Amino acid sequence: MASLQEVARRAKVSIATVSRVLNKSDKVVPETRAIVEQAMRELDYHPSRVARRLRMKEGRAHLVGLIIPDIQNPFFTDIARGVEDAAYASEYALLLCNSDDNPEKERFYLDVMRAESVDGIVLPPFDETAAAVVEMVKSGLPVVCVDRCLSKVKTDLVEVDNYRGAFDATAYLIEKGHRSIGLIDGPTHVSTSRERRRGYLDALAEAGIAVRKDLLRVGDFRQESGRVLAGELLGLKKPPTALFAFNNLMTVGALAAVHQRNLRVPRDVAVVGFDDLPWAESLDPPLTVVRQPAYEVGKQAMELLLKRIMEPTRPPVTVRLLPQLIVRRSA
């Protein structure tokens, strides 16, 4: 493998000049940059990212981190794609980690990213007080939150209007004649769950419908909890006529519980989910959902991170995108 010294000899420049080209310094004139890059191609030279980070005193590694709670969840997969596309467009590489919504695992990967000298991090924090994330923000490393916010420090944030999405979905079910709507909520420590619950409760209140506490269940955003909790709701003496699950995986679990009881959707029970699924239109019947612009969330988060890297002292901003109620035939 060719060395930095060999590239410098081939291009007839100093090693320092080659290093400036690698680090995209604006101190190298275009003609010299072209000569050095040609020498790299001829020698098939590939710089070591580790060596570059060790040499860095100032400047950037062009490496960013992304931590998501569940890589198997299509919502977070779409966010990851949006982040990666925007990072690649700006010549940044992406270090992707999966936290499993575990605060200790989140801390571990934050430590890894610090050790790898990432230029910034995008993540949905475990909860609003996530100590490891707060420490990272206070250390000065650029952090952009997606989907979930922090309460103890201000960061750039890209989120969806969760309140509006849940309100519209609940109001639609009420409009269709449902008065007992079973709720499969998300974890109480997550800000998105609380906003969706508030939208659900306000829609009931606006319609003059009293809240039945026995219709409220708290899940963990995973498929099995959706199945178990939907089963509990459908097993009540007065079961709900509709189910509203607060994420896509719990919705899939709820559908499994419905089918296990040989009930038909929407004749016996209507089903609405928060988050769309790639195969939602292929289900029988097609699934009514609150669609979130997940790809756009990721893309805008990465764009905000790049701005934060370039302007570390600018005031934090919040971008709130609108969800869309997609009416199909499950409700």
C-alpha atoms as a PDB file:
ATOM      1  CA  MET A   1       0.000   0.000   0.000  1.00  0.00           C
ATOM      2  CA  ALA A   2       1.332   3.425  -0.956  1.00  0.00           C
ATOM      3  CA  SER A   3       2.387   5.806   1.808  1.00  0.00           C
ATOM      4  CA  LEU A   4       1.882   9.525   2.312  1.00  0.00           C
ATOM      5  CA  GLN A   5       5.556  10.064   1.533  1.00  0.00           C
ATOM      6  CA  GLU A   6       5.251   8.264  -1.825  1.00  0.00           C
ATOM      7  CA  VAL A   7       2.292  10.445  -2.796  1.00  0.00           C
ATOM      8  CA  ALA A   8       4.295  13.543  -1.901  1.00  0.00           C
ATOM      9  CA  ARG A   9       7.265  12.365  -4.014  1.00  0.00           C
ATOM     10  CA  ARG A  10       5.026  11.528  -7.000  1.00  0.00           C
ATOM     11  CA  ALA A  11       3.293  14.925  -6.826  1.00  0.00           C
ATOM     12  CA  LYS A  12       6.574  16.744  -6.084  1.00  0.00           C
ATOM     13  CA  VAL A  13       5.086  18.507  -3.076  1.00  0.00           C
ATOM     14  CA  SER A  14       5.639  18.377   0.683  1.00  0.00           C
ATOM     15  CA  ILE A  15       3.997  15.855   2.981  1.00  0.00           C
ATOM     16  CA  ALA A  16       2.244  18.794   4.653  1.00  0.00           C
ATOM     17  CA  THR A  17       0.632  19.735   1.339  1.00  0.00           C
ATOM     18  CA  VAL A  18      -0.651  16.181   0.829  1.00  0.00           C
ATOM     19  CA  SER A  19      -2.083  16.281   4.372  1.00  0.00           C
ATOM     20  CA  ARG A  20      -3.843  19.569   3.640  1.00  0.00           C
ATOM     21  CA  VAL A  21      -5.412  18.053   0.535  1.00  0.00           C
ATOM     22  CA  LEU A  22      -6.635  15.057   2.568  1.00  0.00           C
ATOM     23  CA  ASN A  23      -8.129  17.355   5.205  1.00  0.00           C
ATOM     24  CA  LYS A  24      -9.764  19.527   2.534  1.00  0.00           C
ATOM     25  CA  SER A  25      -7.878  22.630   3.595  1.00  0.00           C
ATOM     26  CA  ASP A  26      -8.631  25.794   1.607  1.00  0.00           C
ATOM     27  CA  LYS A  27      -4.920  26.693   1.778  1.00  0.00           C
ATOM     28  CA  VAL A  28      -4.106  24.509  -1.257  1.00  0.00           C
ATOM     29  CA  VAL A  29      -4.547  26.079  -4.690  1.00  0.00           C
ATOM     30  CA  PRO A  30      -6.752  24.110  -7.133  1.00  0.00           C
ATOM     31  CA  GLU A  31      -3.883  23.266  -9.496  1.00  0.00           C
ATOM     32  CA  THR A  32      -1.769  21.726  -6.715  1.00  0.00           C
ATOM     33  CA  ARG A  33      -4.808  19.893  -5.311  1.00  0.00           C
ATOM     34  CA  ALA A  34      -5.451  18.326  -8.735  1.00  0.00           C
ATOM     35  CA  ILE A  35      -1.803  17.159  -9.001  1.00  0.00           C
ATOM     36  CA  VAL A  36      -1.917  15.557  -5.529  1.00  0.00           C
ATOM     37  CA  GLU A  37      -5.250  13.850  -6.200  1.00  0.00           C
ATOM     38  CA  GLN A  38      -3.896  12.494  -9.501  1.00  0.00           C
ATOM     39  CA  ALA A  39      -0.873  11.069  -7.659  1.00  0.00           C
ATOM     40  CA  MET A  40      -3.193   9.391  -5.149  1.00  0.00           C
ATOM     41  CA  ARG A  41      -5.145   7.748  -7.962  1.00  0.00           C
ATOM     42  CA  GLU A  42      -2.022   6.556  -9.747  1.00  0.00           C
ATOM     43  CA  LEU A  43      -0.633   5.035  -6.540  1.00  0.00           C
ATOM     44  CA  ASP A  44      -4.051   3.747  -5.401  1.00  0.00           C
ATOM     45  CA  TYR A  45      -3.524   5.585  -2.107  1.00  0.00           C
ATOM     46  CA  HIS A  46      -6.263   5.295   0.554  1.00  0.00           C
ATOM     47  CA  PRO A  47      -5.779   7.364   3.720  1.00  0.00           C
ATOM     48  CA  SER A  48      -6.306   5.770   7.127  1.00  0.00           C
ATOM     49  CA  ARG A  49      -9.176   7.449   8.989  1.00  0.00           C
ATOM     50  CA  VAL A  50      -7.539   6.514  12.297  1.00  0.00           C
ATOM     51  CA  ALA A  51      -4.253   8.131  11.294  1.00  0.00           C
ATOM     52  CA  ARG A  52      -6.058  11.235  10.095  1.00  0.00           C
ATOM     53  CA  ARG A  53      -7.862  11.603  13.422  1.00  0.00           C
ATOM     54  CA  LEU A  54      -4.594  11.172  15.307  1.00  0.00           C
ATOM     55  CA  ARG A  55      -3.044  13.960  13.231  1.00  0.00           C
ATOM     56  CA  MET A  56      -5.980  16.305  13.697  1.00  0.00           C
ATOM     57  CA  LYS A  57      -5.403  19.239  16.029  1.00  0.00           C
ATOM     58  CA  GLU A  58      -8.082  21.424  14.500  1.00  0.00           C
ATOM     59  CA  GLY A  59     -10.625  20.818  11.808  1.00  0.00           C
ATOM     60  CA  ARG A  60     -13.026  17.943  11.246  1.00  0.00           C
ATOM     61  CA  ALA A  61     -12.936  14.190  10.763  1.00  0.00           C
ATOM     62  CA  HIS A  62     -15.909  14.227   8.349  1.00  0.00           C
ATOM     63  CA  LEU A  63     -17.439  11.458  10.462  1.00  0.00           C
ATOM     64  CA  VAL A  64     -20.788  11.719  12.258  1.00  0.00           C
ATOM     65  CA  GLY A  65     -22.641   9.356  14.578  1.00  0.00           C
ATOM     66  CA  LEU A  66     -26.257   8.178  14.518  1.00  0.00           C
ATOM     67  CA  ILE A  67     -27.816   6.223  17.390  1.00  0.00           C
ATOM     68  CA  ILE A  68     -31.309   4.835  16.862  1.00  0.00           C
ATOM     69  CA  PRO A  69     -33.434   2.800  19.305  1.00  0.00           C
ATOM     70  CA  ASP A  70     -34.434  -0.043  16.977  1.00  0.00           C
ATOM     71  CA  ILE A  71     -32.948  -0.626  13.547  1.00  0.00           C
ATOM     72  CA  GLN A  72     -35.707  -3.182  12.792  1.00  0.00           C
ATOM     73  CA  ASN A  73     -38.352  -0.476  13.095  1.00  0.00           C
ATOM     74  CA  PRO A  74     -39.053   0.919   9.581  1.00  0.00           C
ATOM     75  CA  PHE A  75     -39.597   4.409  11.039  1.00  0.00           C
ATOM     76  CA  PHE A  76     -36.022   4.569  12.323  1.00  0.00           C
ATOM     77  CA  THR A  77     -34.710   2.844   9.204  1.00  0.00           C
ATOM     78  CA  ASP A  78     -36.156   5.688   7.135  1.00  0.00           C
ATOM     79  CA  ILE A  79     -34.638   8.268   9.490  1.00  0.00           C
ATOM     80  CA  ALA A  80     -31.255   6.556   9.127  1.00  0.00           C
ATOM     81  CA  ARG A  81     -31.531   6.685   5.342  1.00  0.00           C
ATOM     82  CA  GLY A  82     -32.327  10.395   5.425  1.00  0.00           C
ATOM     83  CA  VAL A  83     -29.342  11.082   7.691  1.00  0.00           C
ATOM     84  CA  GLU A  84     -27.003   8.955   5.571  1.00  0.00           C
ATOM     85  CA  ASP A  85     -28.058  10.514   2.263  1.00  0.00           C
ATOM     86  CA  ALA A  86     -27.547  14.042   3.599  1.00  0.00           C
ATOM     87  CA  ALA A  87     -24.214  13.075   5.192  1.00  0.00           C
ATOM     88  CA  TYR A  88     -22.926  11.462   1.996  1.00  0.00           C
ATOM     89  CA  ALA A  89     -23.970  14.491  -0.063  1.00  0.00           C
ATOM     90  CA  SER A  90     -21.653  16.585   2.128  1.00  0.00           C
ATOM     91  CA  GLU A  91     -18.837  13.978   2.061  1.00  0.00           C
ATOM     92  CA  TYR A  92     -19.382  12.808   5.640  1.00  0.00           C
ATOM     93  CA  ALA A  93     -19.217   9.160   6.658  1.00  0.00           C
ATOM     94  CA  LEU A  94     -21.760   7.748   9.117  1.00  0.00           C
ATOM     95  CA  LEU A  95     -21.215   5.605  12.211  1.00  0.00           C
ATOM     96  CA  LEU A  96     -24.571   3.876  12.921  1.00  0.00           C
ATOM     97  CA  CYS A  97     -25.429   2.235  16.272  1.00  0.00           C
ATOM     98  CA  ASN A  98     -28.543   0.566  17.691  1.00  0.00           C
ATOM     99  CA  SER A  99     -29.328   1.318  21.367  1.00  0.00           C
ATOM    100  CA  ASP A 100     -32.331  -1.008  21.850  1.00  0.00           C
ATOM    101  CA  ASP A 101     -33.817   1.843  23.929  1.00  0.00           C
ATOM    102  CA  ASN A 102     -31.352   0.899  26.657  1.00  0.00           C
ATOM    103  CA  PRO A 103     -29.729   3.869  28.467  1.00  0.00           C
ATOM    104  CA  GLU A 104     -26.571   1.882  29.277  1.00  0.00           C
ATOM    105  CA  LYS A 105     -26.172   0.835  25.654  1.00  0.00           C
ATOM    106  CA  GLU A 106     -26.814   4.436  24.602  1.00  0.00           C
ATOM    107  CA  ARG A 107     -24.023   5.607  26.923  1.00  0.00           C
ATOM    108  CA  PHE A 108     -21.674   2.908  25.601  1.00  0.00           C
ATOM    109  CA  TYR A 109     -22.140   4.017  22.006  1.00  0.00           C
ATOM    110  CA  LEU A 110     -21.798   7.690  22.932  1.00  0.00           C
ATOM    111  CA  ASP A 111     -18.426   6.814  24.491  1.00  0.00           C
ATOM    112  CA  VAL A 112     -17.454   4.951  21.311  1.00  0.00           C
ATOM    113  CA  MET A 113     -18.347   7.971  19.204  1.00  0.00           C
ATOM    114  CA  ARG A 114     -16.361  10.279  21.438  1.00  0.00           C
ATOM    115  CA  ALA A 115     -13.357   7.933  21.089  1.00  0.00           C
ATOM    116  CA  GLU A 116     -13.804   7.934  17.303  1.00  0.00           C
ATOM    117  CA  SER A 117     -13.707  11.764  17.280  1.00  0.00           C
ATOM    118  CA  VAL A 118     -17.004  12.174  15.441  1.00  0.00           C
ATOM    119  CA  ASP A 119     -17.846  15.729  14.428  1.00  0.00           C
ATOM    120  CA  GLY A 120     -21.406  15.455  15.745  1.00  0.00           C
ATOM    121  CA  ILE A 121     -24.229  13.098  16.671  1.00  0.00           C
ATOM    122  CA  VAL A 122     -27.873  12.628  15.677  1.00  0.00           C
ATOM    123  CA  LEU A 123     -30.110  10.597  17.994  1.00  0.00           C
ATOM    124  CA  PRO A 124     -33.480  10.206  19.679  1.00  0.00           C
ATOM    125  CA  PRO A 125     -32.427  10.277  23.365  1.00  0.00           C
ATOM    126  CA  PHE A 126     -33.642   7.481  25.634  1.00  0.00           C
ATOM    127  CA  ASP A 127     -35.648  10.011  27.646  1.00  0.00           C
ATOM    128  CA  GLU A 128     -35.796  13.746  28.306  1.00  0.00           C
ATOM    129  CA  THR A 129     -33.172  13.576  31.052  1.00  0.00           C
ATOM    130  CA  ALA A 130     -30.736  11.150  29.356  1.00  0.00           C
ATOM    131  CA  ALA A 131     -27.621  11.910  31.425  1.00  0.00           C
ATOM    132  CA  ALA A 132     -25.081  10.628  28.897  1.00  0.00           C
ATOM    133  CA  VAL A 133     -26.575  12.744  26.103  1.00  0.00           C
ATOM    134  CA  VAL A 134     -26.753  15.817  28.334  1.00  0.00           C
ATOM    135  CA  GLU A 135     -23.068  15.346  29.210  1.00  0.00           C
ATOM    136  CA  MET A 136     -22.216  15.122  25.514  1.00  0.00           C
ATOM    137  CA  VAL A 137     -24.083  18.341  24.738  1.00  0.00           C
ATOM    138  CA  LYS A 138     -22.410  20.173  27.647  1.00  0.00           C
ATOM    139  CA  SER A 139     -18.997  19.000  26.425  1.00  0.00           C
ATOM    140  CA  GLY A 140     -19.539  21.063  23.284  1.00  0.00           C
ATOM    141  CA  LEU A 141     -19.974  18.230  20.781  1.00  0.00           C
ATOM    142  CA  PRO A 142     -22.720  19.109  18.265  1.00  0.00           C
ATOM    143  CA  VAL A 143     -25.880  17.072  18.949  1.00  0.00           C
ATOM    144  CA  VAL A 144     -29.184  17.094  17.074  1.00  0.00           C
ATOM    145  CA  CYS A 145     -32.159  15.277  18.579  1.00  0.00           C
ATOM    146  CA  VAL A 146     -34.785  13.605  16.407  1.00  0.00           C
ATOM    147  CA  ASP A 147     -38.266  12.407  17.366  1.00  0.00           C
ATOM    148  CA  ARG A 148     -37.581  12.965  21.102  1.00  0.00           C
ATOM    149  CA  CYS A 149     -36.383  16.014  23.020  1.00  0.00           C
ATOM    150  CA  LEU A 150     -34.217  16.785  26.041  1.00  0.00           C
ATOM    151  CA  SER A 151     -35.541  18.865  28.937  1.00  0.00           C
ATOM    152  CA  LYS A 152     -32.308  19.828  30.730  1.00  0.00           C
ATOM    153  CA  VAL A 153     -30.390  21.290  27.792  1.00  0.00           C
ATOM    154  CA  LYS A 154     -31.370  22.922  24.522  1.00  0.00           C
ATOM    155  CA  THR A 155     -30.357  21.242  21.264  1.00  0.00           C
ATOM    156  CA  ASP A 156     -31.436  21.429  17.669  1.00  0.00           C
ATOM    157  CA  LEU A 157     -34.503  19.215  17.329  1.00  0.00           C
ATOM    158  CA  VAL A 158     -36.390  17.725  14.390  1.00  0.00           C
ATOM    159  CA  GLU A 159     -39.705  16.152  15.304  1.00  0.00           C
ATOM    160  CA  VAL A 160     -43.159  15.412  13.981  1.00  0.00           C
ATOM    161  CA  ASP A 161     -46.281  17.075  15.385  1.00  0.00           C
ATOM    162  CA  ASN A 162     -47.243  14.016  17.414  1.00  0.00           C
ATOM    163  CA  TYR A 163     -50.131  15.777  19.126  1.00  0.00           C
ATOM    164  CA  ARG A 164     -51.756  16.675  15.818  1.00  0.00           C
ATOM    165  CA  GLY A 165     -51.285  13.177  14.400  1.00  0.00           C
ATOM    166  CA  ALA A 166     -52.937  11.478  17.386  1.00  0.00           C
ATOM    167  CA  PHE A 167     -55.708  14.065  17.604  1.00  0.00           C
ATOM    168  CA  ASP A 168     -56.597  13.675  13.920  1.00  0.00           C
ATOM    169  CA  ALA A 169     -56.587   9.861  14.080  1.00  0.00           C
ATOM    170  CA  THR A 170     -58.773   9.796  17.197  1.00  0.00           C
ATOM    171  CA  ALA A 171     -61.141  12.408  15.763  1.00  0.00           C
ATOM    172  CA  TYR A 172     -61.466  10.311  12.602  1.00  0.00           C
ATOM    173  CA  LEU A 173     -62.445   7.223  14.607  1.00  0.00           C
ATOM    174  CA  ILE A 174     -64.993   9.287  16.529  1.00  0.00           C
ATOM    175  CA  GLU A 175     -66.377  10.613  13.242  1.00  0.00           C
ATOM    176  CA  LYS A 176     -66.819   6.995  12.104  1.00  0.00           C
ATOM    177  CA  GLY A 177     -69.013   6.375  15.138  1.00  0.00           C
ATOM    178  CA  HIS A 178     -66.555   4.890  17.663  1.00  0.00           C
ATOM    179  CA  ARG A 179     -67.020   5.874  21.307  1.00  0.00           C
ATOM    180  CA  SER A 180     -64.794   3.240  22.947  1.00  0.00           C
ATOM    181  CA  ILE A 181     -61.307   3.500  21.478  1.00  0.00           C
ATOM    182  CA  GLY A 182     -58.641   1.280  23.001  1.00  0.00           C
ATOM    183  CA  LEU A 183     -55.260   2.958  23.278  1.00  0.00           C
ATOM    184  CA  ILE A 184     -51.941   1.096  23.057  1.00  0.00           C
ATOM    185  CA  ASP A 185     -49.590   3.776  24.322  1.00  0.00           C
ATOM    186  CA  GLY A 186     -45.798   4.013  24.161  1.00  0.00           C
ATOM    187  CA  PRO A 187     -43.373   4.248  27.123  1.00  0.00           C
ATOM    188  CA  THR A 188     -44.223   7.090  29.498  1.00  0.00           C
ATOM    189  CA  HIS A 189     -40.603   8.317  29.630  1.00  0.00           C
ATOM    190  CA  VAL A 190     -40.666   9.175  25.912  1.00  0.00           C
ATOM    191  CA  SER A 191     -41.868  12.659  24.952  1.00  0.00           C
ATOM    192  CA  THR A 192     -43.526  11.437  21.747  1.00  0.00           C
ATOM    193  CA  SER A 193     -45.769   9.080  23.741  1.00  0.00           C
ATOM    194  CA  ARG A 194     -46.943  11.882  25.988  1.00  0.00           C
ATOM    195  CA  GLU A 195     -47.744  14.163  23.059  1.00  0.00           C
ATOM    196  CA  ARG A 196     -49.703  11.435  21.281  1.00  0.00           C
ATOM    197  CA  ARG A 197     -51.614  10.588  24.458  1.00  0.00           C
ATOM    198  CA  ARG A 198     -52.485  14.259  24.890  1.00  0.00           C
ATOM    199  CA  GLY A 199     -53.834  14.373  21.338  1.00  0.00           C
ATOM    200  CA  TYR A 200     -55.952  11.266  21.955  1.00  0.00           C
ATOM    201  CA  LEU A 201     -57.383  12.616  25.230  1.00  0.00           C
ATOM    202  CA  ASP A 202     -58.118  16.067  23.790  1.00  0.00           C
ATOM    203  CA  ALA A 203     -59.974  14.565  20.821  1.00  0.00           C
ATOM    204  CA  LEU A 204     -62.164  12.559  23.214  1.00  0.00           C
ATOM    205  CA  ALA A 205     -62.770  15.640  25.379  1.00  0.00           C
ATOM    206  CA  GLU A 206     -63.698  17.787  22.382  1.00  0.00           C
ATOM    207  CA  ALA A 207     -66.282  15.167  21.371  1.00  0.00           C
ATOM    208  CA  GLY A 208     -67.664  14.990  24.913  1.00  0.00           C
ATOM    209  CA  ILE A 209     -66.568  11.368  25.400  1.00  0.00           C
ATOM    210  CA  ALA A 210     -65.539  10.320  28.895  1.00  0.00           C
ATOM    211  CA  VAL A 211     -62.194   8.550  29.207  1.00  0.00           C
ATOM    212  CA  ARG A 212     -62.418   4.876  30.124  1.00  0.00           C
ATOM    213  CA  LYS A 213     -59.226   4.103  32.033  1.00  0.00           C
ATOM    214  CA  ASP A 214     -59.638   0.393  31.340  1.00  0.00           C
ATOM    215  CA  LEU A 215     -59.112   1.160  27.634  1.00  0.00           C
ATOM    216  CA  LEU A 216     -55.634   2.641  28.227  1.00  0.00           C
ATOM    217  CA  ARG A 217     -52.593   0.364  28.005  1.00  0.00           C
ATOM    218  CA  VAL A 218     -48.866   1.260  28.033  1.00  0.00           C
ATOM    219  CA  GLY A 219     -46.533  -0.714  25.747  1.00  0.00           C
ATOM    220  CA  ASP A 220     -42.846  -0.563  24.871  1.00  0.00           C
ATOM    221  CA  PHE A 221     -43.033   0.166  21.110  1.00  0.00           C
ATOM    222  CA  ARG A 222     -42.340  -3.500  20.322  1.00  0.00           C
ATOM    223  CA  GLN A 223     -44.542  -5.926  18.431  1.00  0.00           C
ATOM    224  CA  GLU A 224     -45.103  -8.366  21.290  1.00  0.00           C
ATOM    225  CA  SER A 225     -46.393  -5.655  23.611  1.00  0.00           C
ATOM    226  CA  GLY A 226     -48.905  -4.645  20.940  1.00  0.00           C
ATOM    227  CA  ARG A 227     -50.139  -8.229  20.698  1.00  0.00           C
ATOM    228  CA  VAL A 228     -50.410  -8.732  24.461  1.00  0.00           C
ATOM    229  CA  LEU A 229     -52.078  -5.400  25.195  1.00  0.00           C
ATOM    230  CA  ALA A 230     -54.525  -5.638  22.302  1.00  0.00           C
ATOM    231  CA  GLY A 231     -55.444  -9.097  23.622  1.00  0.00           C
ATOM    232  CA  GLU A 232     -56.145  -7.606  27.052  1.00  0.00           C
ATOM    233  CA  LEU A 233     -58.345  -4.898  25.550  1.00  0.00           C
ATOM    234  CA  LEU A 234     -60.281  -7.313  23.353  1.00  0.00           C
ATOM    235  CA  GLY A 235     -60.798  -9.594  26.344  1.00  0.00           C
ATOM    236  CA  LEU A 236     -62.651  -6.950  28.391  1.00  0.00           C
ATOM    237  CA  LYS A 237     -66.326  -7.422  29.212  1.00  0.00           C
ATOM    238  CA  LYS A 238     -66.938  -4.241  27.233  1.00  0.00           C
ATOM    239  CA  PRO A 239     -64.176  -4.391  24.607  1.00  0.00           C
ATOM    240  CA  PRO A 240     -63.339  -1.362  22.466  1.00  0.00           C
ATOM    241  CA  THR A 241     -64.783  -1.027  18.987  1.00  0.00           C
ATOM    242  CA  ALA A 242     -61.495   0.455  17.760  1.00  0.00           C
ATOM    243  CA  LEU A 243     -57.791   0.127  18.575  1.00  0.00           C
ATOM    244  CA  PHE A 244     -55.234   2.921  18.189  1.00  0.00           C
ATOM    245  CA  ALA A 245     -51.598   1.776  18.517  1.00  0.00           C
ATOM    246  CA  PHE A 246     -48.885   4.375  18.976  1.00  0.00           C
ATOM    247  CA  ASN A 247     -46.282   2.916  16.634  1.00  0.00           C
ATOM    248  CA  ASN A 248     -46.011   0.586  13.666  1.00  0.00           C
ATOM    249  CA  LEU A 249     -44.635  -2.500  15.435  1.00  0.00           C
ATOM    250  CA  MET A 250     -47.299  -2.411  18.158  1.00  0.00           C
ATOM    251  CA  THR A 251     -49.901  -2.047  15.407  1.00  0.00           C
ATOM    252  CA  VAL A 252     -48.652  -5.265  13.789  1.00  0.00           C
ATOM    253  CA  GLY A 253     -48.883  -6.963  17.186  1.00  0.00           C
ATOM    254  CA  ALA A 254     -52.425  -5.645  17.670  1.00  0.00           C
ATOM    255  CA  LEU A 255     -53.471  -7.059  14.296  1.00  0.00           C
ATOM    256  CA  ALA A 256     -52.084 -10.443  15.342  1.00  0.00           C
ATOM    257  CA  ALA A 257     -54.239 -10.338  18.509  1.00  0.00           C
ATOM    258  CA  VAL A 258     -57.307  -9.467  16.446  1.00  0.00           C
ATOM    259  CA  HIS A 259     -56.720 -12.411  14.096  1.00  0.00           C
ATOM    260  CA  GLN A 260     -56.037 -14.806  16.984  1.00  0.00           C
ATOM    261  CA  ARG A 261     -59.576 -14.113  18.186  1.00  0.00           C
ATOM    262  CA  ASN A 262     -61.015 -14.656  14.693  1.00  0.00           C
ATOM    263  CA  LEU A 263     -62.250 -11.067  14.620  1.00  0.00           C
ATOM    264  CA  ARG A 264     -62.508  -9.140  11.387  1.00  0.00           C
ATOM    265  CA  VAL A 265     -61.169  -5.663  10.687  1.00  0.00           C
ATOM    266  CA  PRO A 266     -62.993  -3.272  10.568  1.00  0.00           C
ATOM    267  CA  ARG A 267     -66.333  -5.115  10.976  1.00  0.00           C
ATOM    268  CA  ASP A 268     -65.614  -6.312  14.528  1.00  0.00           C
ATOM    269  CA  VAL A 269     -62.900  -3.846  15.508  1.00  0.00           C
ATOM    270  CA  ALA A 270     -61.293  -0.928  13.661  1.00  0.00           C
ATOM    271  CA  VAL A 271     -57.506  -0.530  13.775  1.00  0.00           C
ATOM    272  CA  VAL A 272     -55.390   2.604  13.303  1.00  0.00           C
ATOM    273  CA  GLY A 273     -51.612   2.789  13.688  1.00  0.00           C
ATOM    274  CA  PHE A 274     -49.118   5.594  14.211  1.00  0.00           C
ATOM    275  CA  ASP A 275     -46.398   5.237  11.509  1.00  0.00           C
ATOM    276  CA  ASP A 276     -46.869   3.826   8.054  1.00  0.00           C
ATOM    277  CA  LEU A 277     -45.435   0.509   6.913  1.00  0.00           C
ATOM    278  CA  PRO A 278     -44.085  -0.428   3.461  1.00  0.00           C
ATOM    279  CA  TRP A 279     -46.630  -3.251   3.239  1.00  0.00           C
ATOM    280  CA  ALA A 280     -49.589  -1.450   4.908  1.00  0.00           C
ATOM    281  CA  GLU A 281     -51.455  -1.138   1.598  1.00  0.00           C
ATOM    282  CA  SER A 282     -50.998  -4.864   0.937  1.00  0.00           C
ATOM    283  CA  LEU A 283     -52.745  -5.950   4.142  1.00  0.00           C
ATOM    284  CA  ASP A 284     -56.341  -7.156   4.021  1.00  0.00           C
ATOM    285  CA  PRO A 285     -57.850  -4.693   4.649  1.00  0.00           C
ATOM    286  CA  PRO A 286     -55.233  -1.998   3.961  1.00  0.00           C
ATOM    287  CA  LEU A 287     -54.172  -0.251   7.173  1.00  0.00           C
ATOM    288  CA  THR A 288     -55.234   3.262   8.159  1.00  0.00           C
ATOM    289  CA  VAL A 289     -52.219   5.069   9.650  1.00  0.00           C
ATOM    290  CA  VAL A 290     -50.713   8.346  10.746  1.00  0.00           C
ATOM    291  CA  ARG A 291     -47.812   8.680   8.332  1.00  0.00           C
ATOM    292  CA  GLN A 292     -44.678  10.421   9.574  1.00  0.00           C
ATOM    293  CA  PRO A 293     -42.167  11.969   7.117  1.00  0.00           C
ATOM    294  CA  ALA A 294     -39.348   9.903   8.652  1.00  0.00           C
ATOM    295  CA  TYR A 295     -36.886  10.273   5.764  1.00  0.00           C
ATOM    296  CA  GLU A 296     -37.314  14.050   5.836  1.00  0.00           C
ATOM    297  CA  VAL A 297     -36.809  14.043   9.621  1.00  0.00           C
ATOM    298  CA  GLY A 298     -33.437  12.341   9.140  1.00  0.00           C
ATOM    299  CA  LYS A 299     -32.409  14.534   6.228  1.00  0.00           C
ATOM    300  CA  GLN A 300     -33.225  17.777   8.008  1.00  0.00           C
ATOM    301  CA  ALA A 301     -31.536  16.555  11.200  1.00  0.00           C
ATOM    302  CA  MET A 302     -28.286  15.956   9.326  1.00  0.00           C
ATOM    303  CA  GLU A 303     -28.532  19.335   7.632  1.00  0.00           C
ATOM    304  CA  LEU A 304     -28.980  20.966  11.040  1.00  0.00           C
ATOM    305  CA  LEU A 305     -26.002  19.027  12.374  1.00  0.00           C
ATOM    306  CA  LEU A 306     -23.814  20.334   9.544  1.00  0.00           C
ATOM    307  CA  LYS A 307     -24.921  23.889  10.344  1.00  0.00           C
ATOM    308  CA  ARG A 308     -24.183  23.285  14.024  1.00  0.00           C
ATOM    309  CA  ILE A 309     -20.691  21.999  13.166  1.00  0.00           C
ATOM    310  CA  MET A 310     -20.006  25.119  11.109  1.00  0.00           C
ATOM    311  CA  GLU A 311     -21.698  27.533  13.554  1.00  0.00           C
ATOM    312  CA  PRO A 312     -21.343  26.034  17.047  1.00  0.00           C
ATOM    313  CA  THR A 313     -22.646  29.122  18.866  1.00  0.00           C
ATOM    314  CA  ARG A 314     -25.845  29.722  16.904  1.00  0.00           C
ATOM    315  CA  PRO A 315     -29.141  29.440  18.863  1.00  0.00           C
ATOM    316  CA  PRO A 316     -30.787  25.966  18.792  1.00  0.00           C
ATOM    317  CA  VAL A 317     -33.788  25.588  16.510  1.00  0.00           C
ATOM    318  CA  THR A 318     -36.764  23.214  16.485  1.00  0.00           C
ATOM    319  CA  VAL A 319     -38.179  21.917  13.214  1.00  0.00           C
ATOM    320  CA  ARG A 320     -41.658  20.395  13.537  1.00  0.00           C
ATOM    321  CA  LEU A 321     -42.942  18.485  10.515  1.00  0.00           C
ATOM    322  CA  LEU A 322     -46.579  17.617   9.906  1.00  0.00           C
ATOM    323  CA  PRO A 323     -47.847  14.015   9.892  1.00  0.00           C
ATOM    324  CA  GLN A 324     -50.601  12.872   7.546  1.00  0.00           C
ATOM    325  CA  LEU A 325     -53.617  10.695   8.288  1.00  0.00           C
ATOM    326  CA  ILE A 326     -53.736   8.059   5.549  1.00  0.00           C
ATOM    327  CA  VAL A 327     -57.271   6.668   5.446  1.00  0.00           C
ATOM    328  CA  ARG A 328     -57.463   3.121   4.109  1.00  0.00           C
ATOM    329  CA  ARG A 329     -59.987   0.403   4.971  1.00  0.00           C
ATOM    330  CA  SER A 330     -59.008  -0.802   8.460  1.00  0.00           C
ATOM    331  CA  ALA A 331     -61.040   1.961  10.126  1.00  0.00           C
END
